Amino acid sequence: MVKKAVIPAAGFGTRFLPAAKAVPKEMLPVVDKPVIQYVVEEAVASGITDLVLVISRGKRAIEEHFDRHAELEALLEARGRGSEAAALRRISEQATIHYVFQPQMRGLGDAVRCARRHVGDEPFAVLLGDTILEAAQAATRQLMEVFGRCGTSVVAVEEVPLERVSRYGVIRGEALDERVWRVDDMVEKPSPAEAPSRLAVCSRYLLTPDIFDKLDRTPAGKGGEIQLTDALRMQARERPIHACRIEATRHDIGNAAGFLQANLQLALARPDLREAVLAMLRDLSPESRE
C-alpha cells in the first residue's frame, strides 16, 4: 500500500517570468484553481493523504493556499455563501501536507532526495507540481495498480509523435501487455533516429525507497543538477522497473502555450463555462472579423 507522495514545487519557473518572480508557477490558476491544487487532488483521489511538498524561498503562497483562512471562511458564511466557505475548508482538510525546503535548485533528483526523512523506508509516489493529468481514474492510482502487481518502481509514460521524442525521457524495454512494459533503460531527449521507442515519461512516478541510495550515487550533470532519470537507469540495471502507459490527458503547465491550452480545455469541459468559452472563441476567430 502506497501511503505517501512527494510533490516537487521548488523551481524558479523561469519560463513564466515576470509573473513567476512573485507568484509561484504552481499557484497560477487553471480556470479557478491553482495548478498545485489539481495535483494534490489527484494524490487524494488515489488514496494518498500524506503529502510532502518540496518548496523553496518565495513559495510561501503554496503553504498559505493549503492552510485554513478562518477569517475569510467566516466572512463568506456571514454573507450567505456557505458552499464557498465549505470549498475553502476542503482545500485544507483533504490531506496532511508537510513542507521541506530545497536549498538550491539542483534538479528533480535532488528535490526528491530532500523528502527522504519524511518518506522513510517505504514506497512513495512523485507527482510533478506543474503538470495536470486529467483522467477518469487518477493517473497515480493507475501506477499504484501496476505496483501492486510488480512491486517495483513504476513510471508513467505516454506515446508521443516521433518528432517530439527529443523533448522527453524515453524508455527502452519489453511490452508485458498493452499498457505495461519492463524497462531496461531510459534515454534522455533522444533524436528521432536514436529513440528506442515513442513512450515518453510523463511527470508521475511510483518509487521504491532504494531510489534514495541511487540518488546518493548519481553524479551531478549539466548545471550541477541531479537527475531522477539517471537514478532510475541505475535502478533498472540492478533490479526490474516498469512503465505504465497511463490513460489520461496531460496538461503541461510548464510553458505559456501549455498553460493557455490547459485553461481552454478544462474550461470547455465545465458545463457552467463551456458555452461562454465557445462564444469567446467564435468572437476571436478570423471569420467573425470579416
Protein backbone atom coordinates (compact mmCIF):
# COMPACT_ATOMS: atom_id res chain seq x y z
CA MET A 1 0.00 0.00 0.00
CA VAL A 2 1.41 3.39 -1.03
CA LYS A 3 0.63 5.98 1.64
CA LYS A 4 2.89 8.92 0.85
CA ALA A 5 3.55 11.25 -2.07
CA VAL A 6 6.20 13.84 -2.86
CA ILE A 7 5.28 16.88 -4.94
CA PRO A 8 8.34 18.85 -6.14
CA ALA A 9 7.43 22.53 -6.45
CA ALA A 10 10.68 24.39 -5.81
CA GLY A 11 11.71 25.51 -9.30
CA PHE A 12 12.04 29.15 -10.30
CA GLY A 13 9.54 28.93 -13.15
CA THR A 14 11.76 30.97 -15.44
CA ARG A 15 9.54 30.31 -18.46
CA PHE A 16 6.80 32.28 -16.68
CA LEU A 17 8.81 35.37 -15.84
CA PRO A 18 7.99 38.05 -14.93
CA ALA A 19 4.81 36.54 -13.40
CA ALA A 20 6.73 33.78 -11.58
CA LYS A 21 9.01 36.32 -9.86
CA ALA A 22 6.33 36.97 -7.23
CA VAL A 23 3.80 34.16 -7.83
CA PRO A 24 4.94 30.51 -7.86
CA LYS A 25 4.11 28.95 -11.22
CA GLU A 26 2.36 26.17 -9.32
CA MET A 27 -0.06 28.80 -8.00
CA LEU A 28 -1.06 30.10 -11.43
CA PRO A 29 -4.80 29.46 -11.87
CA VAL A 30 -6.13 26.99 -14.38
CA VAL A 31 -9.76 28.09 -14.70
CA ASP A 32 -10.44 28.74 -10.99
CA LYS A 33 -7.90 26.57 -9.14
CA PRO A 34 -4.12 26.81 -8.90
CA VAL A 35 -2.19 24.08 -10.71
CA ILE A 36 -0.85 22.62 -7.45
CA GLN A 37 -4.38 22.01 -6.18
CA TYR A 38 -5.18 19.77 -9.15
CA VAL A 39 -2.03 17.77 -8.36
CA VAL A 40 -2.91 17.41 -4.67
CA GLU A 41 -6.45 16.36 -5.62
CA GLU A 42 -5.01 13.63 -7.87
CA ALA A 43 -2.99 12.25 -4.96
CA VAL A 44 -6.05 12.30 -2.72
CA ALA A 45 -8.18 10.62 -5.41
CA SER A 46 -5.51 7.88 -5.50
CA GLY A 47 -5.94 7.28 -1.77
CA ILE A 48 -2.81 9.18 -0.67
CA THR A 49 -3.35 11.82 2.00
CA ASP A 50 0.17 12.15 3.48
CA LEU A 51 1.95 14.59 1.20
CA VAL A 52 5.36 16.27 1.18
CA LEU A 53 5.66 19.43 -0.89
CA VAL A 54 9.24 20.35 -1.76
CA ILE A 55 9.38 24.13 -1.97
CA SER A 56 11.95 26.92 -1.98
CA ARG A 57 12.28 30.55 -0.99
CA GLY A 58 9.43 32.59 -2.40
CA LYS A 59 6.93 29.69 -2.40
CA ARG A 60 5.14 30.57 0.84
CA ALA A 61 1.97 31.24 -1.16
CA ILE A 62 1.64 27.47 -1.61
CA GLU A 63 1.65 26.94 2.17
CA GLU A 64 -0.91 29.71 2.64
CA HIS A 65 -3.19 28.24 -0.01
CA PHE A 66 -3.43 24.88 1.78
CA ASP A 67 -3.77 26.43 5.24
CA ARG A 68 -7.08 27.40 6.84
CA HIS A 69 -8.28 31.00 6.40
CA ALA A 70 -10.81 31.23 9.22
CA GLU A 71 -11.49 34.95 8.73
CA LEU A 72 -12.36 34.55 5.05
CA GLU A 73 -14.49 31.47 5.76
CA ALA A 74 -16.42 33.39 8.45
CA LEU A 75 -16.96 36.31 6.07
CA LEU A 76 -18.37 34.03 3.39
CA GLU A 77 -20.65 32.32 5.92
CA ALA A 78 -21.94 35.70 7.13
CA ARG A 79 -22.77 36.68 3.55
CA GLY A 80 -24.73 33.51 2.92
CA ARG A 81 -22.01 31.90 0.79
CA GLY A 82 -21.67 28.76 2.87
CA SER A 83 -20.89 26.49 -0.08
CA GLU A 84 -17.85 28.60 -0.97
CA ALA A 85 -16.69 28.57 2.66
CA ALA A 86 -17.03 24.78 2.70
CA ALA A 87 -15.00 24.53 -0.51
CA LEU A 88 -12.20 26.55 1.09
CA ARG A 89 -12.22 24.28 4.15
CA ARG A 90 -11.96 21.19 1.96
CA ILE A 91 -8.72 22.51 0.48
CA SER A 92 -7.00 22.33 3.87
CA GLU A 93 -8.81 19.22 5.15
CA GLN A 94 -8.32 16.84 2.22
CA ALA A 95 -4.75 15.85 3.12
CA THR A 96 -1.98 16.23 5.67
CA ILE A 97 0.66 18.35 3.97
CA HIS A 98 4.26 18.70 5.12
CA TYR A 99 6.81 21.07 3.63
CA VAL A 100 10.53 20.66 3.11
CA PHE A 101 12.89 23.16 1.51
CA GLN A 102 15.23 22.52 -1.37
CA PRO A 103 18.06 24.97 -0.52
CA GLN A 104 19.48 25.04 -4.07
CA MET A 105 17.88 24.24 -7.41
CA ARG A 106 19.86 21.08 -8.14
CA GLY A 107 17.40 19.15 -10.24
CA LEU A 108 14.44 16.82 -9.79
CA GLY A 109 16.55 14.06 -8.26
CA ASP A 110 17.77 16.40 -5.55
CA ALA A 111 14.21 17.61 -4.89
CA VAL A 112 13.05 14.03 -4.34
CA ARG A 113 16.04 13.39 -2.09
CA CYS A 114 15.01 16.34 0.10
CA ALA A 115 11.90 14.36 1.14
CA ARG A 116 13.89 11.32 2.27
CA ARG A 117 13.45 11.80 6.01
CA HIS A 118 9.67 12.01 5.76
CA VAL A 119 9.27 9.21 3.24
CA GLY A 120 11.39 6.76 5.22
CA ASP A 121 11.73 3.15 4.11
CA GLU A 122 8.52 2.74 2.12
CA PRO A 123 7.35 3.16 -1.48
CA PHE A 124 6.07 6.58 -2.46
CA ALA A 125 4.60 8.48 -5.38
CA VAL A 126 6.13 11.53 -7.06
CA LEU A 127 3.79 13.96 -8.80
CA LEU A 128 5.38 16.93 -10.56
CA GLY A 129 3.72 20.12 -9.40
CA ASP A 130 3.40 21.76 -12.82
CA THR A 131 1.52 19.05 -14.72
CA ILE A 132 -2.19 18.21 -14.62
CA LEU A 133 -3.23 14.71 -15.69
CA GLU A 134 -6.94 14.61 -16.45
CA ALA A 135 -8.25 11.05 -16.19
CA ALA A 136 -11.35 9.02 -15.32
CA GLN A 137 -9.16 7.06 -12.91
CA ALA A 138 -6.44 9.14 -11.23
CA ALA A 139 -3.12 8.65 -13.00
CA THR A 140 -1.25 7.93 -9.77
CA ARG A 141 -3.84 5.29 -8.93
CA GLN A 142 -3.08 3.60 -12.25
CA LEU A 143 0.60 3.40 -11.25
CA MET A 144 -0.37 2.01 -7.86
CA GLU A 145 -2.23 -0.84 -9.53
CA VAL A 146 0.86 -1.78 -11.56
CA PHE A 147 2.98 -1.53 -8.40
CA GLY A 148 0.57 -3.93 -6.72
CA ARG A 149 1.27 -6.47 -9.48
CA CYS A 150 5.01 -5.92 -9.91
CA GLY A 151 6.30 -4.50 -6.62
CA THR A 152 8.88 -2.33 -8.40
CA SER A 153 9.34 1.32 -9.27
CA VAL A 154 6.81 2.35 -11.95
CA VAL A 155 7.00 5.37 -14.26
CA ALA A 156 4.06 6.83 -16.13
CA VAL A 157 4.53 7.02 -19.90
CA GLU A 158 2.55 8.29 -22.85
CA GLU A 159 3.03 7.67 -26.56
CA VAL A 160 4.20 10.80 -28.36
CA PRO A 161 4.82 11.54 -32.05
CA LEU A 162 8.32 10.63 -33.19
CA GLU A 163 9.17 14.26 -33.95
CA ARG A 164 8.58 15.16 -30.27
CA VAL A 165 10.67 12.45 -28.55
CA SER A 166 13.63 14.83 -28.24
CA ARG A 167 11.68 16.75 -25.57
CA TYR A 168 11.39 13.85 -23.14
CA GLY A 169 12.99 10.91 -21.41
CA VAL A 170 12.07 7.83 -23.46
CA ILE A 171 12.02 4.22 -22.27
CA ARG A 172 13.58 1.14 -23.79
CA GLY A 173 12.03 -2.14 -22.75
CA GLU A 174 9.75 -5.09 -23.40
CA ALA A 175 5.95 -4.90 -23.52
CA LEU A 176 4.29 -7.22 -21.00
CA ASP A 177 0.77 -6.29 -22.09
CA GLU A 178 -0.98 -3.40 -23.81
CA ARG A 179 -0.15 -0.92 -21.06
CA VAL A 180 2.80 -2.26 -19.05
CA TRP A 181 6.49 -2.53 -20.03
CA ARG A 182 9.53 -3.86 -18.27
CA VAL A 183 12.06 -1.04 -18.54
CA ASP A 184 15.65 -1.88 -19.45
CA ASP A 185 16.89 1.68 -19.91
CA MET A 186 15.87 5.29 -20.37
CA VAL A 187 17.27 7.72 -22.90
CA GLU A 188 17.05 11.41 -22.09
CA LYS A 189 15.88 13.58 -25.02
CA PRO A 190 16.99 11.31 -27.88
CA SER A 191 16.90 12.36 -31.51
CA PRO A 192 14.09 10.71 -33.51
CA ALA A 193 16.66 8.46 -35.19
CA GLU A 194 18.06 7.28 -31.84
CA ALA A 195 14.83 6.95 -29.87
CA PRO A 196 14.28 3.39 -28.60
CA SER A 197 10.50 3.93 -28.53
CA ARG A 198 7.89 6.66 -28.60
CA LEU A 199 6.98 6.12 -24.93
CA ALA A 200 7.85 9.27 -23.03
CA VAL A 201 7.98 9.60 -19.24
CA CYS A 202 5.22 12.00 -18.19
CA SER A 203 5.51 13.55 -14.75
CA ARG A 204 4.32 10.74 -12.46
CA TYR A 205 6.41 8.11 -10.70
CA LEU A 206 5.94 5.44 -8.06
CA LEU A 207 9.29 4.71 -6.48
CA THR A 208 10.70 2.09 -4.14
CA PRO A 209 12.80 3.54 -1.29
CA ASP A 210 16.11 2.19 -2.63
CA ILE A 211 15.92 5.05 -5.14
CA PHE A 212 17.45 7.26 -2.42
CA ASP A 213 20.63 5.16 -2.46
CA LYS A 214 20.73 5.53 -6.24
CA LEU A 215 20.27 9.30 -5.95
CA ASP A 216 23.17 9.45 -3.47
CA ARG A 217 25.33 7.67 -6.06
CA THR A 218 24.16 9.77 -9.02
CA PRO A 219 26.76 12.33 -10.11
CA ALA A 220 25.64 15.85 -10.84
CA GLY A 221 25.23 16.61 -14.51
CA LYS A 222 24.73 19.77 -16.52
CA GLY A 223 24.24 22.80 -14.31
CA GLY A 224 25.11 20.78 -11.23
CA GLU A 225 21.72 19.04 -11.32
CA ILE A 226 21.00 15.53 -10.08
CA GLN A 227 18.58 13.87 -12.47
CA LEU A 228 15.96 11.39 -11.34
CA THR A 229 16.23 9.69 -14.74
CA ASP A 230 19.89 8.82 -14.06
CA ALA A 231 18.96 7.23 -10.72
CA LEU A 232 16.16 5.24 -12.37
CA ARG A 233 18.57 3.99 -15.02
CA MET A 234 20.88 2.81 -12.24
CA GLN A 235 17.94 1.13 -10.53
CA ALA A 236 16.92 -0.61 -13.77
CA ARG A 237 20.41 -2.13 -14.07
CA GLU A 238 20.16 -3.64 -10.59
CA ARG A 239 16.51 -4.75 -10.49
CA PRO A 240 13.49 -4.55 -12.81
CA ILE A 241 11.45 -1.39 -13.04
CA HIS A 242 8.25 -0.97 -15.03
CA ALA A 243 6.38 1.61 -17.05
CA CYS A 244 2.63 2.09 -17.36
CA ARG A 245 1.02 3.83 -20.31
CA ILE A 246 -1.49 5.89 -18.42
CA GLU A 247 -4.96 6.63 -19.70
CA ALA A 248 -5.07 10.38 -19.21
CA THR A 249 -4.86 13.74 -20.95
CA ARG A 250 -1.69 15.57 -19.92
CA HIS A 251 -1.72 19.32 -19.48
CA ASP A 252 1.85 20.64 -19.24
CA ILE A 253 1.70 23.94 -17.38
CA GLY A 254 5.47 24.43 -17.61
CA ASN A 255 5.22 26.85 -20.54
CA ALA A 256 2.87 29.62 -21.61
CA ALA A 257 1.35 27.77 -24.57
CA GLY A 258 0.57 24.69 -22.47
CA PHE A 259 -0.86 26.89 -19.73
CA LEU A 260 -3.23 28.63 -22.13
CA GLN A 261 -4.26 25.35 -23.74
CA ALA A 262 -5.00 23.79 -20.34
CA ASN A 263 -7.19 26.71 -19.37
CA LEU A 264 -9.17 26.41 -22.59
CA GLN A 265 -9.55 22.63 -22.48
CA LEU A 266 -10.54 22.45 -18.83
CA ALA A 267 -12.92 25.40 -19.17
CA LEU A 268 -14.58 23.74 -22.16
CA ALA A 269 -15.06 20.61 -20.03
CA ARG A 270 -17.05 22.63 -17.48
CA PRO A 271 -20.83 22.73 -18.20
CA ASP A 272 -21.10 26.13 -16.49
CA LEU A 273 -18.38 27.66 -18.68
CA ARG A 274 -18.48 25.79 -21.99
CA GLU A 275 -20.95 27.99 -23.86
CA ALA A 276 -19.31 31.24 -22.71
CA VAL A 277 -15.87 30.00 -23.78
CA LEU A 278 -17.16 28.83 -27.16
CA ALA A 279 -18.76 32.24 -27.68
CA MET A 280 -15.44 33.94 -26.89
CA LEU A 281 -13.58 31.71 -29.32
CA ARG A 282 -16.13 32.43 -32.05
CA ASP A 283 -15.70 36.17 -31.43
CA LEU A 284 -11.92 35.82 -31.71
CA SER A 285 -11.95 33.73 -34.88
CA PRO A 286 -10.81 35.41 -38.12
CA GLU A 287 -14.16 34.58 -39.74
CA SER A 288 -16.04 36.64 -37.15
CA ARG A 289 -14.00 39.72 -38.10
CA GLU A 290 -14.70 39.60 -41.79
